[in-house]
Amino acid sequence: MNEGRAAMEGTIVIKENVILLIEDKDFTKEDAKARSVDELIGKYNSVYKLNNAVLRGIKSGDKEKIWYSEILESFPAQVKVLKIEKL
């Protein structure tokens, strides 16, 4: 994998001044509204905190594809975003 070339797809959640990407197929928009950031992180397996993401025209609940340069090993994993594209 070339640095900066990796990509993933999921649902954006913007809540509590945090931007998350949730890849889990069972994720629902209702959960995003009803649960806190910590509850979402605890419930779903594939949750990433997006760092330095510029969200022009993107809102919570949108399906997105992101390209990133690295994933920091933390909980949740933090992703350095290069590009975001709406699906």
PDB file of N, CA and C in Angstrom:
ATOM      1  N   MET A   1       0.849  -1.173   0.000  1.00  0.00           N
ATOM      2  CA  MET A   1       0.000   0.000   0.000  1.00  0.00           C
ATOM      3  C   MET A   1       0.895   1.237   0.000  1.00  0.00           C
ATOM      4  N   ASN A   2       0.698   2.120  -0.935  1.00  0.00           N
ATOM      5  CA  ASN A   2       1.460   3.364  -1.001  1.00  0.00           C
ATOM      6  C   ASN A   2       0.938   4.352   0.018  1.00  0.00           C
ATOM      7  N   GLU A   3       1.835   5.081   0.650  1.00  0.00           N
ATOM      8  CA  GLU A   3       1.410   6.085   1.615  1.00  0.00           C
ATOM      9  C   GLU A   3       0.498   7.093   0.934  1.00  0.00           C
ATOM     10  N   GLY A   4      -0.630   7.386   1.567  1.00  0.00           N
ATOM     11  CA  GLY A   4      -1.570   8.342   1.004  1.00  0.00           C
ATOM     12  C   GLY A   4      -2.509   7.749  -0.010  1.00  0.00           C
ATOM     13  N   ARG A   5      -2.402   6.484  -0.289  1.00  0.00           N
ATOM     14  CA  ARG A   5      -3.241   5.858  -1.302  1.00  0.00           C
ATOM     15  C   ARG A   5      -4.324   4.959  -0.708  1.00  0.00           C
ATOM     16  N   ALA A   6      -4.286   4.733   0.588  1.00  0.00           N
ATOM     17  CA  ALA A   6      -5.263   3.844   1.212  1.00  0.00           C
ATOM     18  C   ALA A   6      -6.618   4.535   1.299  1.00  0.00           C
ATOM     19  N   ALA A   7      -7.685   3.738   1.227  1.00  0.00           N
ATOM     20  CA  ALA A   7      -9.034   4.296   1.275  1.00  0.00           C
ATOM     21  C   ALA A   7      -9.953   3.387   2.078  1.00  0.00           C
ATOM     22  N   MET A   8     -11.025   3.990   2.594  1.00  0.00           N
ATOM     23  CA  MET A   8     -12.065   3.224   3.282  1.00  0.00           C
ATOM     24  C   MET A   8     -13.391   3.934   3.063  1.00  0.00           C
ATOM     25  N   GLU A   9     -14.483   3.182   3.250  1.00  0.00           N
ATOM     26  CA  GLU A   9     -15.820   3.739   3.061  1.00  0.00           C
ATOM     27  C   GLU A   9     -16.635   3.526   4.320  1.00  0.00           C
ATOM     28  N   GLY A  10     -17.517   4.476   4.596  1.00  0.00           N
ATOM     29  CA  GLY A  10     -18.381   4.349   5.756  1.00  0.00           C
ATOM     30  C   GLY A  10     -19.304   5.542   5.878  1.00  0.00           C
ATOM     31  N   THR A  11     -19.933   5.647   7.039  1.00  0.00           N
ATOM     32  CA  THR A  11     -20.872   6.718   7.331  1.00  0.00           C
ATOM     33  C   THR A  11     -20.202   7.737   8.249  1.00  0.00           C
ATOM     34  N   ILE A  12     -20.359   8.997   7.903  1.00  0.00           N
ATOM     35  CA  ILE A  12     -19.818  10.087   8.714  1.00  0.00           C
ATOM     36  C   ILE A  12     -20.781  10.388   9.860  1.00  0.00           C
ATOM     37  N   VAL A  13     -20.238  10.566  11.055  1.00  0.00           N
ATOM     38  CA  VAL A  13     -21.014  11.026  12.201  1.00  0.00           C
ATOM     39  C   VAL A  13     -20.287  12.230  12.782  1.00  0.00           C
ATOM     40  N   ILE A  14     -21.011  13.346  12.849  1.00  0.00           N
ATOM     41  CA  ILE A  14     -20.454  14.568  13.435  1.00  0.00           C
ATOM     42  C   ILE A  14     -21.235  14.838  14.706  1.00  0.00           C
ATOM     43  N   LYS A  15     -20.545  14.716  15.841  1.00  0.00           N
ATOM     44  CA  LYS A  15     -21.228  14.836  17.125  1.00  0.00           C
ATOM     45  C   LYS A  15     -20.211  15.211  18.195  1.00  0.00           C
ATOM     46  N   GLU A  16     -20.599  16.084  19.110  1.00  0.00           N
ATOM     47  CA  GLU A  16     -19.749  16.458  20.246  1.00  0.00           C
ATOM     48  C   GLU A  16     -18.374  16.962  19.791  1.00  0.00           C
ATOM     49  N   ASN A  17     -18.354  17.738  18.692  1.00  0.00           N
ATOM     50  CA  ASN A  17     -17.108  18.284  18.132  1.00  0.00           C
ATOM     51  C   ASN A  17     -16.120  17.202  17.698  1.00  0.00           C
ATOM     52  N   VAL A  18     -16.633  16.025  17.368  1.00  0.00           N
ATOM     53  CA  VAL A  18     -15.819  14.913  16.895  1.00  0.00           C
ATOM     54  C   VAL A  18     -16.382  14.460  15.551  1.00  0.00           C
ATOM     55  N   ILE A  19     -15.497  14.088  14.626  1.00  0.00           N
ATOM     56  CA  ILE A  19     -15.913  13.547  13.330  1.00  0.00           C
ATOM     57  C   ILE A  19     -15.481  12.082  13.299  1.00  0.00           C
ATOM     58  N   LEU A  20     -16.482  11.202  13.141  1.00  0.00           N
ATOM     59  CA  LEU A  20     -16.216   9.766  13.086  1.00  0.00           C
ATOM     60  C   LEU A  20     -16.560   9.221  11.713  1.00  0.00           C
ATOM     61  N   LEU A  21     -15.864   8.164  11.326  1.00  0.00           N
ATOM     62  CA  LEU A  21     -16.242   7.360  10.166  1.00  0.00           C
ATOM     63  C   LEU A  21     -16.528   5.971  10.712  1.00  0.00           C
ATOM     64  N   ILE A  22     -17.737   5.483  10.468  1.00  0.00           N
ATOM     65  CA  ILE A  22     -18.135   4.163  10.950  1.00  0.00           C
ATOM     66  C   ILE A  22     -18.319   3.260   9.740  1.00  0.00           C
ATOM     67  N   GLU A  23     -17.490   2.209   9.664  1.00  0.00           N
ATOM     68  CA  GLU A  23     -17.535   1.274   8.528  1.00  0.00           C
ATOM     69  C   GLU A  23     -18.538   0.148   8.740  1.00  0.00           C
ATOM     70  N   ASP A  24     -18.960  -0.084   9.949  1.00  0.00           N
ATOM     71  CA  ASP A  24     -19.813  -1.221  10.301  1.00  0.00           C
ATOM     72  C   ASP A  24     -21.088  -1.232   9.466  1.00  0.00           C
ATOM     73  N   LYS A  25     -21.395  -2.364   8.855  1.00  0.00           N
ATOM     74  CA  LYS A  25     -22.570  -2.502   7.976  1.00  0.00           C
ATOM     75  C   LYS A  25     -23.889  -2.418   8.744  1.00  0.00           C
ATOM     76  N   ASP A  26     -23.873  -2.709  10.055  1.00  0.00           N
ATOM     77  CA  ASP A  26     -25.088  -2.680  10.874  1.00  0.00           C
ATOM     78  C   ASP A  26     -25.385  -1.302  11.445  1.00  0.00           C
ATOM     79  N   PHE A  27     -24.546  -0.318  11.167  1.00  0.00           N
ATOM     80  CA  PHE A  27     -24.723   1.027  11.700  1.00  0.00           C
ATOM     81  C   PHE A  27     -25.986   1.660  11.133  1.00  0.00           C
ATOM     82  N   THR A  28     -26.710   2.382  11.987  1.00  0.00           N
ATOM     83  CA  THR A  28     -27.926   3.071  11.547  1.00  0.00           C
ATOM     84  C   THR A  28     -27.857   4.550  11.922  1.00  0.00           C
ATOM     85  N   LYS A  29     -28.529   5.381  11.160  1.00  0.00           N
ATOM     86  CA  LYS A  29     -28.595   6.813  11.461  1.00  0.00           C
ATOM     87  C   LYS A  29     -29.308   7.048  12.795  1.00  0.00           C
ATOM     88  N   GLU A  30     -30.243   6.165  13.130  1.00  0.00           N
ATOM     89  CA  GLU A  30     -30.949   6.292  14.403  1.00  0.00           C
ATOM     90  C   GLU A  30     -29.979   6.147  15.568  1.00  0.00           C
ATOM     91  N   ASP A  31     -29.020   5.220  15.450  1.00  0.00           N
ATOM     92  CA  ASP A  31     -28.000   5.059  16.485  1.00  0.00           C
ATOM     93  C   ASP A  31     -27.162   6.333  16.611  1.00  0.00           C
ATOM     94  N   ALA A  32     -26.847   6.951  15.497  1.00  0.00           N
ATOM     95  CA  ALA A  32     -26.041   8.166  15.516  1.00  0.00           C
ATOM     96  C   ALA A  32     -26.746   9.272  16.295  1.00  0.00           C
ATOM     97  N   LYS A  33     -28.064   9.331  16.160  1.00  0.00           N
ATOM     98  CA  LYS A  33     -28.826  10.361  16.861  1.00  0.00           C
ATOM     99  C   LYS A  33     -29.002  10.034  18.335  1.00  0.00           C
ATOM    100  N   ALA A  34     -29.206   8.759  18.646  1.00  0.00           N
ATOM    101  CA  ALA A  34     -29.558   8.352  20.006  1.00  0.00           C
ATOM    102  C   ALA A  34     -28.351   8.136  20.927  1.00  0.00           C
ATOM    103  N   ARG A  35     -27.202   7.851  20.372  1.00  0.00           N
ATOM    104  CA  ARG A  35     -26.037   7.466  21.191  1.00  0.00           C
ATOM    105  C   ARG A  35     -24.967   8.559  21.210  1.00  0.00           C
ATOM    106  N   SER A  36     -24.215   8.585  22.290  1.00  0.00           N
ATOM    107  CA  SER A  36     -23.084   9.510  22.408  1.00  0.00           C
ATOM    108  C   SER A  36     -21.915   8.968  21.582  1.00  0.00           C
ATOM    109  N   VAL A  37     -20.893   9.787  21.421  1.00  0.00           N
ATOM    110  CA  VAL A  37     -19.684   9.359  20.707  1.00  0.00           C
ATOM    111  C   VAL A  37     -19.088   8.135  21.394  1.00  0.00           C
ATOM    112  N   ASP A  38     -18.968   8.169  22.716  1.00  0.00           N
ATOM    113  CA  ASP A  38     -18.402   7.032  23.450  1.00  0.00           C
ATOM    114  C   ASP A  38     -19.233   5.764  23.263  1.00  0.00           C
ATOM    115  N   GLU A  39     -20.560   5.899  23.239  1.00  0.00           N
ATOM    116  CA  GLU A  39     -21.428   4.721  23.029  1.00  0.00           C
ATOM    117  C   GLU A  39     -21.251   4.161  21.624  1.00  0.00           C
ATOM    118  N   LEU A  40     -21.125   5.032  20.629  1.00  0.00           N
ATOM    119  CA  LEU A  40     -20.908   4.566  19.253  1.00  0.00           C
ATOM    120  C   LEU A  40     -19.583   3.823  19.137  1.00  0.00           C
ATOM    121  N   ILE A  41     -18.545   4.378  19.763  1.00  0.00           N
ATOM    122  CA  ILE A  41     -17.223   3.739  19.733  1.00  0.00           C
ATOM    123  C   ILE A  41     -17.284   2.372  20.403  1.00  0.00           C
ATOM    124  N   GLY A  42     -18.044   2.261  21.484  1.00  0.00           N
ATOM    125  CA  GLY A  42     -18.167   0.992  22.200  1.00  0.00           C
ATOM    126  C   GLY A  42     -19.006  -0.042  21.479  1.00  0.00           C
ATOM    127  N   LYS A  43     -19.996   0.407  20.726  1.00  0.00           N
ATOM    128  CA  LYS A  43     -20.926  -0.525  20.078  1.00  0.00           C
ATOM    129  C   LYS A  43     -20.391  -1.108  18.769  1.00  0.00           C
ATOM    130  N   TYR A  44     -19.710  -0.289  17.974  1.00  0.00           N
ATOM    131  CA  TYR A  44     -19.296  -0.717  16.635  1.00  0.00           C
ATOM    132  C   TYR A  44     -17.806  -1.033  16.591  1.00  0.00           C
ATOM    133  N   ASN A  45     -17.454  -2.003  15.744  1.00  0.00           N
ATOM    134  CA  ASN A  45     -16.067  -2.453  15.635  1.00  0.00           C
ATOM    135  C   ASN A  45     -15.186  -1.521  14.816  1.00  0.00           C
ATOM    136  N   SER A  46     -15.688  -1.018  13.733  1.00  0.00           N
ATOM    137  CA  SER A  46     -14.879  -0.234  12.794  1.00  0.00           C
ATOM    138  C   SER A  46     -15.236   1.241  12.880  1.00  0.00           C
ATOM    139  N   VAL A  47     -14.721   1.904  13.920  1.00  0.00           N
ATOM    140  CA  VAL A  47     -14.972   3.321  14.141  1.00  0.00           C
ATOM    141  C   VAL A  47     -13.628   4.049  14.107  1.00  0.00           C
ATOM    142  N   TYR A  48     -13.575   5.117  13.322  1.00  0.00           N
ATOM    143  CA  TYR A  48     -12.340   5.884  13.175  1.00  0.00           C
ATOM    144  C   TYR A  48     -12.625   7.355  13.444  1.00  0.00           C
ATOM    145  N   LYS A  49     -11.758   7.997  14.185  1.00  0.00           N
ATOM    146  CA  LYS A  49     -11.833   9.436  14.405  1.00  0.00           C
ATOM    147  C   LYS A  49     -11.046  10.097  13.285  1.00  0.00           C
ATOM    148  N   LEU A  50     -11.694  11.020  12.570  1.00  0.00           N
ATOM    149  CA  LEU A  50     -11.048  11.661  11.427  1.00  0.00           C
ATOM    150  C   LEU A  50     -10.353  12.933  11.881  1.00  0.00           C
ATOM    151  N   ASN A  51      -9.057  12.983  11.679  1.00  0.00           N
ATOM    152  CA  ASN A  51      -8.271  14.171  11.994  1.00  0.00           C
ATOM    153  C   ASN A  51      -8.067  14.990  10.737  1.00  0.00           C
ATOM    154  N   ASN A  52      -8.006  16.280  10.887  1.00  0.00           N
ATOM    155  CA  ASN A  52      -7.765  17.254   9.818  1.00  0.00           C
ATOM    156  C   ASN A  52      -8.686  17.069   8.613  1.00  0.00           C
ATOM    157  N   ALA A  53      -9.917  16.616   8.864  1.00  0.00           N
ATOM    158  CA  ALA A  53     -10.881  16.431   7.768  1.00  0.00           C
ATOM    159  C   ALA A  53     -11.579  17.754   7.458  1.00  0.00           C
ATOM    160  N   VAL A  54     -11.675  18.083   6.181  1.00  0.00           N
ATOM    161  CA  VAL A  54     -12.408  19.264   5.741  1.00  0.00           C
ATOM    162  C   VAL A  54     -13.731  18.775   5.161  1.00  0.00           C
ATOM    163  N   LEU A  55     -14.819  19.160   5.809  1.00  0.00           N
ATOM    164  CA  LEU A  55     -16.137  18.626   5.448  1.00  0.00           C
ATOM    165  C   LEU A  55     -17.001  19.675   4.770  1.00  0.00           C
ATOM    166  N   ARG A  56     -16.670  20.020   3.572  1.00  0.00           N
ATOM    167  CA  ARG A  56     -17.486  20.970   2.804  1.00  0.00           C
ATOM    168  C   ARG A  56     -18.675  20.229   2.201  1.00  0.00           C
ATOM    169  N   GLY A  57     -19.873  20.636   2.603  1.00  0.00           N
ATOM    170  CA  GLY A  57     -21.082  20.033   2.053  1.00  0.00           C
ATOM    171  C   GLY A  57     -21.366  18.637   2.576  1.00  0.00           C
ATOM    172  N   ILE A  58     -20.647  18.198   3.588  1.00  0.00           N
ATOM    173  CA  ILE A  58     -20.852  16.859   4.157  1.00  0.00           C
ATOM    174  C   ILE A  58     -21.536  17.011   5.498  1.00  0.00           C
ATOM    175  N   LYS A  59     -22.549  16.160   5.729  1.00  0.00           N
ATOM    176  CA  LYS A  59     -23.245  16.219   7.009  1.00  0.00           C
ATOM    177  C   LYS A  59     -23.311  14.833   7.634  1.00  0.00           C
ATOM    178  N   SER A  60     -23.624  14.820   8.895  1.00  0.00           N
ATOM    179  CA  SER A  60     -23.732  13.569   9.635  1.00  0.00           C
ATOM    180  C   SER A  60     -24.738  12.649   8.949  1.00  0.00           C
ATOM    181  N   GLY A  61     -24.367  11.387   8.783  1.00  0.00           N
ATOM    182  CA  GLY A  61     -25.233  10.409   8.130  1.00  0.00           C
ATOM    183  C   GLY A  61     -24.888  10.158   6.676  1.00  0.00           C
ATOM    184  N   ASP A  62     -24.031  10.992   6.097  1.00  0.00           N
ATOM    185  CA  ASP A  62     -23.630  10.817   4.696  1.00  0.00           C
ATOM    186  C   ASP A  62     -22.679   9.631   4.554  1.00  0.00           C
ATOM    187  N   LYS A  63     -22.834   8.906   3.460  1.00  0.00           N
ATOM    188  CA  LYS A  63     -21.905   7.823   3.110  1.00  0.00           C
ATOM    189  C   LYS A  63     -20.741   8.446   2.344  1.00  0.00           C
ATOM    190  N   GLU A  64     -19.528   8.134   2.782  1.00  0.00           N
ATOM    191  CA  GLU A  64     -18.338   8.756   2.209  1.00  0.00           C
ATOM    192  C   GLU A  64     -17.242   7.730   1.965  1.00  0.00           C
ATOM    193  N   LYS A  65     -16.362   8.075   1.045  1.00  0.00           N
ATOM    194  CA  LYS A  65     -15.113   7.344   0.856  1.00  0.00           C
ATOM    195  C   LYS A  65     -14.006   8.307   1.224  1.00  0.00           C
ATOM    196  N   ILE A  66     -13.073   7.848   2.049  1.00  0.00           N
ATOM    197  CA  ILE A  66     -11.967   8.715   2.430  1.00  0.00           C
ATOM    198  C   ILE A  66     -10.638   8.082   2.028  1.00  0.00           C
ATOM    199  N   TRP A  67      -9.690   8.934   1.708  1.00  0.00           N
ATOM    200  CA  TRP A  67      -8.313   8.512   1.477  1.00  0.00           C
ATOM    201  C   TRP A  67      -7.503   9.077   2.632  1.00  0.00           C
ATOM    202  N   TYR A  68      -6.537   8.305   3.085  1.00  0.00           N
ATOM    203  CA  TYR A  68      -5.789   8.730   4.262  1.00  0.00           C
ATOM    204  C   TYR A  68      -4.315   8.386   4.128  1.00  0.00           C
ATOM    205  N   SER A  69      -3.496   9.089   4.931  1.00  0.00           N
ATOM    206  CA  SER A  69      -2.059   8.866   4.885  1.00  0.00           C
ATOM    207  C   SER A  69      -1.607   7.876   5.945  1.00  0.00           C
ATOM    208  N   GLU A  70      -2.287   7.864   7.089  1.00  0.00           N
ATOM    209  CA  GLU A  70      -1.927   6.902   8.133  1.00  0.00           C
ATOM    210  C   GLU A  70      -3.060   6.760   9.136  1.00  0.00           C
ATOM    211  N   ILE A  71      -3.017   5.643   9.861  1.00  0.00           N
ATOM    212  CA  ILE A  71      -3.941   5.390  10.955  1.00  0.00           C
ATOM    213  C   ILE A  71      -3.100   5.288  12.226  1.00  0.00           C
ATOM    214  N   LEU A  72      -3.413   6.137  13.185  1.00  0.00           N
ATOM    215  CA  LEU A  72      -2.703   6.122  14.459  1.00  0.00           C
ATOM    216  C   LEU A  72      -3.332   5.081  15.367  1.00  0.00           C
ATOM    217  N   GLU A  73      -2.505   4.302  16.024  1.00  0.00           N
ATOM    218  CA  GLU A  73      -2.996   3.251  16.903  1.00  0.00           C
ATOM    219  C   GLU A  73      -3.408   3.863  18.234  1.00  0.00           C
ATOM    220  N   SER A  74      -4.686   4.160  18.332  1.00  0.00           N
ATOM    221  CA  SER A  74      -5.283   4.702  19.542  1.00  0.00           C
ATOM    222  C   SER A  74      -6.684   4.120  19.625  1.00  0.00           C
ATOM    223  N   PHE A  75      -7.443   4.533  20.612  1.00  0.00           N
ATOM    224  CA  PHE A  75      -8.821   4.059  20.711  1.00  0.00           C
ATOM    225  C   PHE A  75      -9.744   5.242  20.861  1.00  0.00           C
ATOM    226  N   PRO A  76     -10.575   5.532  19.854  1.00  0.00           N
ATOM    227  CA  PRO A  76     -10.604   4.843  18.564  1.00  0.00           C
ATOM    228  C   PRO A  76      -9.382   5.227  17.723  1.00  0.00           C
ATOM    229  N   ALA A  77      -9.149   4.443  16.692  1.00  0.00           N
ATOM    230  CA  ALA A  77      -8.047   4.740  15.781  1.00  0.00           C
ATOM    231  C   ALA A  77      -8.276   6.119  15.167  1.00  0.00           C
ATOM    232  N   GLN A  78      -7.208   6.894  15.031  1.00  0.00           N
ATOM    233  CA  GLN A  78      -7.297   8.221  14.436  1.00  0.00           C
ATOM    234  C   GLN A  78      -6.699   8.181  13.034  1.00  0.00           C
ATOM    235  N   VAL A  79      -7.426   8.744  12.096  1.00  0.00           N
ATOM    236  CA  VAL A  79      -7.044   8.695  10.685  1.00  0.00           C
ATOM    237  C   VAL A  79      -6.658  10.094  10.219  1.00  0.00           C
ATOM    238  N   LYS A  80      -5.512  10.208   9.558  1.00  0.00           N
ATOM    239  CA  LYS A  80      -5.100  11.473   8.947  1.00  0.00           C
ATOM    240  C   LYS A  80      -5.677  11.507   7.531  1.00  0.00           C
ATOM    241  N   VAL A  81      -6.713  12.294   7.355  1.00  0.00           N
ATOM    242  CA  VAL A  81      -7.485  12.328   6.111  1.00  0.00           C
ATOM    243  C   VAL A  81      -6.794  13.189   5.060  1.00  0.00           C
ATOM    244  N   LEU A  82      -6.755  12.649   3.834  1.00  0.00           N
ATOM    245  CA  LEU A  82      -6.235  13.399   2.690  1.00  0.00           C
ATOM    246  C   LEU A  82      -7.364  13.939   1.814  1.00  0.00           C
ATOM    247  N   LYS A  83      -8.416  13.129   1.640  1.00  0.00           N
ATOM    248  CA  LYS A  83      -9.502  13.476   0.711  1.00  0.00           C
ATOM    249  C   LYS A  83     -10.771  12.757   1.153  1.00  0.00           C
ATOM    250  N   ILE A  84     -11.913  13.419   0.939  1.00  0.00           N
ATOM    251  CA  ILE A  84     -13.223  12.818   1.214  1.00  0.00           C
ATOM    252  C   ILE A  84     -14.079  12.975  -0.023  1.00  0.00           C
ATOM    253  N   GLU A  85     -14.795  11.895  -0.366  1.00  0.00           N
ATOM    254  CA  GLU A  85     -15.681  11.917  -1.551  1.00  0.00           C
ATOM    255  C   GLU A  85     -17.012  11.275  -1.184  1.00  0.00           C
ATOM    256  N   LYS A  86     -18.097  11.959  -1.517  1.00  0.00           N
ATOM    257  CA  LYS A  86     -19.439  11.439  -1.241  1.00  0.00           C
ATOM    258  C   LYS A  86     -19.757  10.263  -2.162  1.00  0.00           C
ATOM    259  N   LEU A  87     -20.358   9.234  -1.591  1.00  0.00           N
ATOM    260  CA  LEU A  87     -20.742   8.059  -2.380  1.00  0.00           C
ATOM    261  C   LEU A  87     -22.153   8.208  -2.916  1.00  0.00           C
TER     262      LEU A  87
END
